[in-house]
Amino acid sequence: MLRDAEKTIGNLIDKQSVSFISSVDENGFPNTKAMLPPRKREGIQTFYFTTNTSSMRVSQYRSNPKACIYFCDKRFFRGVMLIGTVEVLEDAASKEMIWREGDTQYYSKGVTDPDYCVLKFTAGEGRYYANYKSERFSIE
């Protein structure tokens, strides 16, 4: 059994330099891409990512909010998949909350750039893999 899931999974997530995020396309197929790690997380339930408002992924989340995120520790061959939904946030408070110095490299007009938005992922369940076995868990 996975003891202290939030601590174990949180530590795994915090050590990764890449995250994988999936959406569902207009034909019902999963689409996965690598992204920078989340800018902020609240436990293992809520995660905030930066992205371009004009991106294909944002369009897909607006049509179908179902999503999953995956983090993999390749050194110890373990990982966690979280399943939930994504909200596209464009309000000033959300954008300012995760803005970092240097983000103008991606969003030239700064924190108010209309092509800058926040993806808020909220997990409802997950699956943790380690030591050649996996375990499903709920998130409350």
N, C-alpha and C. Protein backbone atom coordinates (compact mmCIF):
# COMPACT_ATOMS: atom_id res chain seq x y z
N MET A 1 0.84 -1.20 0.00
CA MET A 1 0.00 0.00 0.00
C MET A 1 0.88 1.25 0.00
N LEU A 2 0.36 2.27 -0.61
CA LEU A 2 1.05 3.56 -0.68
C LEU A 2 0.78 4.32 0.61
N ARG A 3 1.79 4.44 1.45
CA ARG A 3 1.64 5.18 2.70
C ARG A 3 2.02 6.63 2.47
N ASP A 4 1.28 7.51 3.12
CA ASP A 4 1.52 8.95 3.01
C ASP A 4 1.65 9.37 1.54
N ALA A 5 0.60 9.08 0.79
CA ALA A 5 0.59 9.32 -0.65
C ALA A 5 0.93 10.75 -1.02
N GLU A 6 0.35 11.71 -0.31
CA GLU A 6 0.59 13.10 -0.69
C GLU A 6 2.07 13.47 -0.58
N LYS A 7 2.73 13.02 0.47
CA LYS A 7 4.15 13.34 0.65
C LYS A 7 5.01 12.62 -0.39
N THR A 8 4.78 11.32 -0.58
CA THR A 8 5.56 10.53 -1.54
C THR A 8 5.40 11.07 -2.96
N ILE A 9 4.16 11.29 -3.35
CA ILE A 9 3.88 11.76 -4.71
C ILE A 9 4.32 13.21 -4.88
N GLY A 10 4.10 14.04 -3.87
CA GLY A 10 4.54 15.43 -3.93
C GLY A 10 6.05 15.54 -4.12
N ASN A 11 6.80 14.72 -3.40
CA ASN A 11 8.26 14.73 -3.56
C ASN A 11 8.67 14.30 -4.96
N LEU A 12 8.02 13.27 -5.49
CA LEU A 12 8.33 12.82 -6.85
C LEU A 12 8.08 13.95 -7.84
N ILE A 13 6.93 14.59 -7.73
CA ILE A 13 6.56 15.68 -8.65
C ILE A 13 7.55 16.84 -8.57
N ASP A 14 7.88 17.24 -7.36
CA ASP A 14 8.75 18.42 -7.17
C ASP A 14 10.15 18.23 -7.73
N LYS A 15 10.58 17.00 -7.92
CA LYS A 15 11.95 16.73 -8.41
C LYS A 15 12.03 16.60 -9.92
N GLN A 16 10.91 16.68 -10.61
CA GLN A 16 10.93 16.49 -12.06
C GLN A 16 11.08 17.80 -12.81
N SER A 17 11.85 17.78 -13.88
CA SER A 17 12.06 18.97 -14.69
C SER A 17 11.11 19.02 -15.89
N VAL A 18 10.38 17.93 -16.10
CA VAL A 18 9.42 17.83 -17.20
C VAL A 18 8.14 17.20 -16.66
N SER A 19 7.02 17.68 -17.15
CA SER A 19 5.73 17.05 -16.85
C SER A 19 5.06 16.75 -18.18
N PHE A 20 4.14 15.82 -18.15
CA PHE A 20 3.40 15.46 -19.35
C PHE A 20 1.93 15.74 -19.08
N ILE A 21 1.28 16.39 -20.04
CA ILE A 21 -0.11 16.77 -19.87
C ILE A 21 -0.89 16.29 -21.10
N SER A 22 -2.07 15.75 -20.85
CA SER A 22 -2.87 15.20 -21.93
C SER A 22 -4.23 15.88 -22.00
N SER A 23 -4.72 15.99 -23.21
CA SER A 23 -6.04 16.54 -23.49
C SER A 23 -6.73 15.56 -24.44
N VAL A 24 -7.98 15.87 -24.76
CA VAL A 24 -8.75 15.04 -25.68
C VAL A 24 -9.06 15.88 -26.91
N ASP A 25 -8.75 15.34 -28.11
CA ASP A 25 -9.01 16.12 -29.33
C ASP A 25 -10.46 16.00 -29.78
N GLU A 26 -10.78 16.67 -30.88
CA GLU A 26 -12.16 16.73 -31.37
C GLU A 26 -12.70 15.37 -31.81
N ASN A 27 -11.81 14.40 -32.04
CA ASN A 27 -12.23 13.05 -32.42
C ASN A 27 -12.22 12.09 -31.24
N GLY A 28 -11.99 12.60 -30.02
CA GLY A 28 -12.01 11.76 -28.83
C GLY A 28 -10.71 11.05 -28.53
N PHE A 29 -9.63 11.40 -29.23
CA PHE A 29 -8.34 10.75 -29.01
C PHE A 29 -7.49 11.55 -28.03
N PRO A 30 -6.70 10.85 -27.21
CA PRO A 30 -5.81 11.56 -26.28
C PRO A 30 -4.65 12.22 -27.03
N ASN A 31 -4.26 13.39 -26.56
CA ASN A 31 -3.10 14.13 -27.07
C ASN A 31 -2.22 14.44 -25.87
N THR A 32 -0.95 14.04 -25.93
CA THR A 32 -0.03 14.25 -24.81
C THR A 32 1.14 15.09 -25.27
N LYS A 33 1.59 15.97 -24.39
CA LYS A 33 2.79 16.76 -24.70
C LYS A 33 3.61 16.97 -23.43
N ALA A 34 4.88 17.16 -23.62
CA ALA A 34 5.77 17.49 -22.51
C ALA A 34 5.67 18.98 -22.25
N MET A 35 5.71 19.34 -20.98
CA MET A 35 5.67 20.74 -20.58
C MET A 35 6.66 20.96 -19.44
N LEU A 36 6.90 22.22 -19.16
CA LEU A 36 7.67 22.55 -17.97
C LEU A 36 6.85 22.10 -16.76
N PRO A 37 7.49 21.90 -15.63
CA PRO A 37 6.74 21.49 -14.44
C PRO A 37 5.70 22.54 -14.04
N PRO A 38 4.72 22.15 -13.25
CA PRO A 38 3.73 23.13 -12.81
C PRO A 38 4.40 24.25 -12.02
N ARG A 39 3.88 25.46 -12.16
CA ARG A 39 4.42 26.60 -11.43
C ARG A 39 4.03 26.58 -9.96
N LYS A 40 2.89 25.97 -9.70
CA LYS A 40 2.39 25.93 -8.33
C LYS A 40 1.55 24.67 -8.20
N ARG A 41 1.60 24.10 -7.00
CA ARG A 41 0.69 22.98 -6.74
C ARG A 41 0.14 23.12 -5.33
N GLU A 42 -1.07 22.64 -5.17
CA GLU A 42 -1.73 22.62 -3.86
C GLU A 42 -1.95 21.15 -3.54
N GLY A 43 -1.07 20.61 -2.70
CA GLY A 43 -1.11 19.17 -2.43
C GLY A 43 -0.86 18.41 -3.72
N ILE A 44 -1.63 17.34 -3.90
CA ILE A 44 -1.53 16.60 -5.16
C ILE A 44 -2.86 16.67 -5.91
N GLN A 45 -3.64 17.71 -5.60
CA GLN A 45 -4.94 17.85 -6.24
C GLN A 45 -4.98 18.97 -7.27
N THR A 46 -4.35 20.11 -7.00
CA THR A 46 -4.47 21.26 -7.88
C THR A 46 -3.09 21.71 -8.35
N PHE A 47 -2.97 21.90 -9.66
CA PHE A 47 -1.70 22.27 -10.29
C PHE A 47 -1.95 23.42 -11.25
N TYR A 48 -0.98 24.33 -11.34
CA TYR A 48 -1.08 25.48 -12.23
C TYR A 48 0.10 25.48 -13.20
N PHE A 49 -0.22 25.57 -14.49
CA PHE A 49 0.78 25.59 -15.56
C PHE A 49 0.61 26.88 -16.37
N THR A 50 1.69 27.34 -16.98
CA THR A 50 1.59 28.46 -17.93
C THR A 50 1.52 27.90 -19.34
N THR A 51 0.82 28.60 -20.20
CA THR A 51 0.80 28.21 -21.61
C THR A 51 0.31 29.36 -22.47
N ASN A 52 0.33 29.16 -23.76
CA ASN A 52 -0.13 30.16 -24.71
C ASN A 52 -1.64 30.00 -24.93
N THR A 53 -2.35 31.11 -24.81
CA THR A 53 -3.80 31.12 -25.02
C THR A 53 -4.14 30.61 -26.41
N SER A 54 -3.28 30.88 -27.38
CA SER A 54 -3.53 30.49 -28.78
C SER A 54 -3.19 29.03 -29.06
N SER A 55 -2.74 28.28 -28.07
CA SER A 55 -2.30 26.91 -28.31
C SER A 55 -3.44 25.94 -28.62
N MET A 56 -3.11 24.87 -29.30
CA MET A 56 -4.07 23.82 -29.60
C MET A 56 -4.62 23.22 -28.31
N ARG A 57 -3.78 23.06 -27.32
CA ARG A 57 -4.18 22.45 -26.04
C ARG A 57 -5.29 23.29 -25.37
N VAL A 58 -5.15 24.60 -25.35
CA VAL A 58 -6.17 25.46 -24.75
C VAL A 58 -7.50 25.28 -25.47
N SER A 59 -7.46 25.23 -26.77
CA SER A 59 -8.67 25.01 -27.55
C SER A 59 -9.32 23.67 -27.18
N GLN A 60 -8.51 22.64 -27.02
CA GLN A 60 -9.03 21.32 -26.65
C GLN A 60 -9.64 21.33 -25.25
N TYR A 61 -8.99 21.98 -24.29
CA TYR A 61 -9.54 22.04 -22.93
C TYR A 61 -10.84 22.83 -22.88
N ARG A 62 -10.95 23.83 -23.70
CA ARG A 62 -12.19 24.62 -23.73
C ARG A 62 -13.35 23.76 -24.26
N SER A 63 -13.04 22.86 -25.18
CA SER A 63 -14.07 21.98 -25.74
C SER A 63 -14.36 20.78 -24.85
N ASN A 64 -13.32 20.28 -24.18
CA ASN A 64 -13.46 19.10 -23.33
C ASN A 64 -12.43 19.22 -22.21
N PRO A 65 -12.85 19.50 -20.99
CA PRO A 65 -11.91 19.75 -19.90
C PRO A 65 -11.23 18.50 -19.32
N LYS A 66 -11.60 17.30 -19.80
CA LYS A 66 -10.98 16.08 -19.27
C LYS A 66 -9.49 16.07 -19.59
N ALA A 67 -8.70 15.67 -18.59
CA ALA A 67 -7.25 15.74 -18.75
C ALA A 67 -6.55 14.77 -17.81
N CYS A 68 -5.27 14.56 -18.06
CA CYS A 68 -4.43 13.89 -17.08
C CYS A 68 -3.04 14.50 -17.16
N ILE A 69 -2.33 14.39 -16.06
CA ILE A 69 -0.93 14.81 -16.02
C ILE A 69 -0.12 13.63 -15.51
N TYR A 70 1.14 13.56 -15.95
CA TYR A 70 2.01 12.44 -15.59
C TYR A 70 3.39 12.97 -15.24
N PHE A 71 3.94 12.40 -14.19
CA PHE A 71 5.30 12.73 -13.76
C PHE A 71 6.06 11.42 -13.63
N CYS A 72 7.28 11.40 -14.16
CA CYS A 72 8.06 10.18 -14.19
C CYS A 72 9.46 10.42 -13.60
N ASP A 73 9.81 9.59 -12.65
CA ASP A 73 11.16 9.58 -12.08
C ASP A 73 11.90 8.45 -12.78
N LYS A 74 12.60 8.78 -13.87
CA LYS A 74 13.23 7.74 -14.68
C LYS A 74 14.38 7.04 -13.95
N ARG A 75 15.00 7.71 -13.01
CA ARG A 75 16.12 7.10 -12.29
C ARG A 75 15.66 5.87 -11.50
N PHE A 76 14.50 5.99 -10.83
CA PHE A 76 14.00 4.87 -10.02
C PHE A 76 12.81 4.17 -10.68
N PHE A 77 12.52 4.52 -11.92
CA PHE A 77 11.44 3.93 -12.71
C PHE A 77 10.14 3.88 -11.92
N ARG A 78 9.70 5.06 -11.54
CA ARG A 78 8.42 5.19 -10.85
C ARG A 78 7.72 6.43 -11.41
N GLY A 79 6.42 6.47 -11.25
CA GLY A 79 5.69 7.60 -11.79
C GLY A 79 4.31 7.70 -11.21
N VAL A 80 3.66 8.82 -11.51
CA VAL A 80 2.29 9.04 -11.06
C VAL A 80 1.49 9.71 -12.17
N MET A 81 0.30 9.17 -12.39
CA MET A 81 -0.66 9.74 -13.32
C MET A 81 -1.82 10.27 -12.49
N LEU A 82 -2.19 11.51 -12.75
CA LEU A 82 -3.34 12.13 -12.08
C LEU A 82 -4.40 12.42 -13.14
N ILE A 83 -5.64 12.07 -12.84
CA ILE A 83 -6.75 12.23 -13.78
C ILE A 83 -7.70 13.28 -13.22
N GLY A 84 -8.12 14.19 -14.09
CA GLY A 84 -9.03 15.24 -13.64
C GLY A 84 -9.48 16.13 -14.77
N THR A 85 -9.61 17.41 -14.46
CA THR A 85 -10.08 18.39 -15.44
C THR A 85 -9.20 19.63 -15.43
N VAL A 86 -9.26 20.36 -16.53
CA VAL A 86 -8.49 21.60 -16.67
C VAL A 86 -9.43 22.77 -16.89
N GLU A 87 -9.14 23.86 -16.21
CA GLU A 87 -9.80 25.15 -16.45
C GLU A 87 -8.77 26.08 -17.07
N VAL A 88 -9.16 26.84 -18.07
CA VAL A 88 -8.30 27.85 -18.67
C VAL A 88 -8.60 29.17 -17.95
N LEU A 89 -7.60 29.71 -17.25
CA LEU A 89 -7.76 30.94 -16.48
C LEU A 89 -7.06 32.10 -17.19
N GLU A 90 -7.79 33.19 -17.35
CA GLU A 90 -7.20 34.37 -17.99
C GLU A 90 -7.34 35.62 -17.14
N ASP A 91 -7.79 35.46 -15.90
CA ASP A 91 -7.95 36.62 -15.02
C ASP A 91 -6.59 37.09 -14.52
N ALA A 92 -6.51 38.35 -14.19
CA ALA A 92 -5.24 38.96 -13.77
C ALA A 92 -4.66 38.29 -12.53
N ALA A 93 -5.48 37.98 -11.56
CA ALA A 93 -4.97 37.39 -10.31
C ALA A 93 -4.30 36.04 -10.56
N SER A 94 -4.90 35.20 -11.39
CA SER A 94 -4.32 33.89 -11.69
C SER A 94 -3.01 34.04 -12.45
N LYS A 95 -3.01 34.94 -13.42
CA LYS A 95 -1.81 35.14 -14.23
C LYS A 95 -0.66 35.69 -13.38
N GLU A 96 -0.97 36.63 -12.49
CA GLU A 96 0.06 37.21 -11.63
C GLU A 96 0.57 36.20 -10.60
N MET A 97 -0.31 35.31 -10.15
CA MET A 97 0.04 34.33 -9.13
C MET A 97 1.23 33.45 -9.54
N ILE A 98 1.30 33.08 -10.82
CA ILE A 98 2.37 32.16 -11.23
C ILE A 98 3.39 32.79 -12.17
N TRP A 99 3.26 34.09 -12.42
CA TRP A 99 4.22 34.80 -13.28
C TRP A 99 5.60 34.79 -12.64
N ARG A 100 6.62 34.61 -13.45
CA ARG A 100 8.00 34.66 -12.97
C ARG A 100 8.83 35.60 -13.81
N GLU A 101 9.84 36.14 -13.16
CA GLU A 101 10.79 36.98 -13.89
C GLU A 101 11.39 36.13 -15.01
N GLY A 102 11.47 36.69 -16.20
CA GLY A 102 12.00 35.95 -17.35
C GLY A 102 10.90 35.39 -18.24
N ASP A 103 9.65 35.43 -17.79
CA ASP A 103 8.55 34.90 -18.60
C ASP A 103 8.31 35.72 -19.86
N THR A 104 8.86 36.92 -19.91
CA THR A 104 8.70 37.73 -21.12
C THR A 104 9.39 37.05 -22.31
N GLN A 105 10.25 36.11 -22.04
CA GLN A 105 10.87 35.30 -23.10
C GLN A 105 9.78 34.57 -23.89
N TYR A 106 8.71 34.17 -23.21
CA TYR A 106 7.60 33.45 -23.84
C TYR A 106 6.42 34.36 -24.14
N TYR A 107 6.23 35.37 -23.30
CA TYR A 107 5.08 36.28 -23.41
C TYR A 107 5.61 37.70 -23.43
N SER A 108 5.90 38.20 -24.62
CA SER A 108 6.63 39.46 -24.78
C SER A 108 5.91 40.68 -24.20
N LYS A 109 4.60 40.62 -24.05
CA LYS A 109 3.86 41.76 -23.53
C LYS A 109 3.70 41.70 -22.01
N GLY A 110 4.38 40.76 -21.39
CA GLY A 110 4.34 40.67 -19.93
C GLY A 110 3.13 39.93 -19.41
N VAL A 111 2.87 40.12 -18.12
CA VAL A 111 1.82 39.38 -17.44
C VAL A 111 0.43 39.65 -18.03
N THR A 112 0.27 40.78 -18.72
CA THR A 112 -1.02 41.10 -19.33
C THR A 112 -1.11 40.64 -20.79
N ASP A 113 -0.09 39.95 -21.27
CA ASP A 113 -0.08 39.45 -22.65
C ASP A 113 -1.34 38.61 -22.90
N PRO A 114 -2.12 38.94 -23.92
CA PRO A 114 -3.33 38.16 -24.19
C PRO A 114 -3.04 36.71 -24.61
N ASP A 115 -1.79 36.43 -25.00
CA ASP A 115 -1.43 35.06 -25.37
C ASP A 115 -0.86 34.27 -24.19
N TYR A 116 -0.97 34.81 -23.00
CA TYR A 116 -0.53 34.14 -21.77
C TYR A 116 -1.76 33.76 -20.96
N CYS A 117 -1.84 32.49 -20.57
CA CYS A 117 -2.93 32.07 -19.70
C CYS A 117 -2.43 30.99 -18.76
N VAL A 118 -3.28 30.60 -17.84
CA VAL A 118 -2.96 29.62 -16.82
C VAL A 118 -3.87 28.41 -17.00
N LEU A 119 -3.27 27.24 -16.95
CA LEU A 119 -4.05 26.01 -16.93
C LEU A 119 -4.13 25.55 -15.48
N LYS A 120 -5.34 25.44 -14.97
CA LYS A 120 -5.55 24.94 -13.61
C LYS A 120 -6.07 23.52 -13.72
N PHE A 121 -5.22 22.57 -13.31
CA PHE A 121 -5.59 21.16 -13.35
C PHE A 121 -6.04 20.74 -11.96
N THR A 122 -7.21 20.09 -11.88
CA THR A 122 -7.72 19.59 -10.61
C THR A 122 -7.91 18.08 -10.74
N ALA A 123 -7.19 17.34 -9.91
CA ALA A 123 -7.22 15.88 -9.95
C ALA A 123 -8.32 15.32 -9.06
N GLY A 124 -8.89 14.21 -9.49
CA GLY A 124 -9.88 13.50 -8.71
C GLY A 124 -9.41 12.13 -8.29
N GLU A 125 -8.47 11.59 -9.07
CA GLU A 125 -7.90 10.27 -8.77
C GLU A 125 -6.54 10.15 -9.42
N GLY A 126 -5.84 9.09 -9.06
CA GLY A 126 -4.52 8.89 -9.62
C GLY A 126 -4.10 7.45 -9.59
N ARG A 127 -2.94 7.22 -10.17
CA ARG A 127 -2.35 5.89 -10.18
C ARG A 127 -0.85 6.08 -9.99
N TYR A 128 -0.29 5.40 -9.00
CA TYR A 128 1.13 5.51 -8.66
C TYR A 128 1.81 4.19 -9.02
N TYR A 129 2.95 4.27 -9.70
CA TYR A 129 3.70 3.08 -10.09
C TYR A 129 5.08 3.12 -9.46
N ALA A 130 5.44 2.04 -8.78
CA ALA A 130 6.79 1.89 -8.21
C ALA A 130 6.99 0.42 -7.87
N ASN A 131 8.23 -0.02 -7.90
CA ASN A 131 8.58 -1.39 -7.52
C ASN A 131 7.76 -2.44 -8.27
N TYR A 132 7.57 -2.21 -9.57
CA TYR A 132 6.92 -3.16 -10.47
C TYR A 132 5.44 -3.40 -10.16
N LYS A 133 4.82 -2.47 -9.49
CA LYS A 133 3.37 -2.57 -9.28
C LYS A 133 2.77 -1.17 -9.22
N SER A 134 1.47 -1.13 -9.51
CA SER A 134 0.80 0.16 -9.48
C SER A 134 -0.39 0.10 -8.53
N GLU A 135 -0.77 1.28 -8.08
CA GLU A 135 -1.87 1.39 -7.12
C GLU A 135 -2.71 2.60 -7.48
N ARG A 136 -4.00 2.38 -7.53
CA ARG A 136 -4.94 3.46 -7.80
C ARG A 136 -5.34 4.11 -6.49
N PHE A 137 -5.57 5.43 -6.51
CA PHE A 137 -5.99 6.13 -5.29
C PHE A 137 -6.92 7.28 -5.66
N SER A 138 -7.75 7.66 -4.70
CA SER A 138 -8.66 8.80 -4.87
C SER A 138 -8.05 10.02 -4.20
N ILE A 139 -8.42 11.18 -4.71
CA ILE A 139 -7.93 12.43 -4.15
C ILE A 139 -9.15 13.23 -3.69
N GLU A 140 -9.12 13.66 -2.43
CA GLU A 140 -10.26 14.41 -1.89
C GLU A 140 -9.82 15.76 -1.40
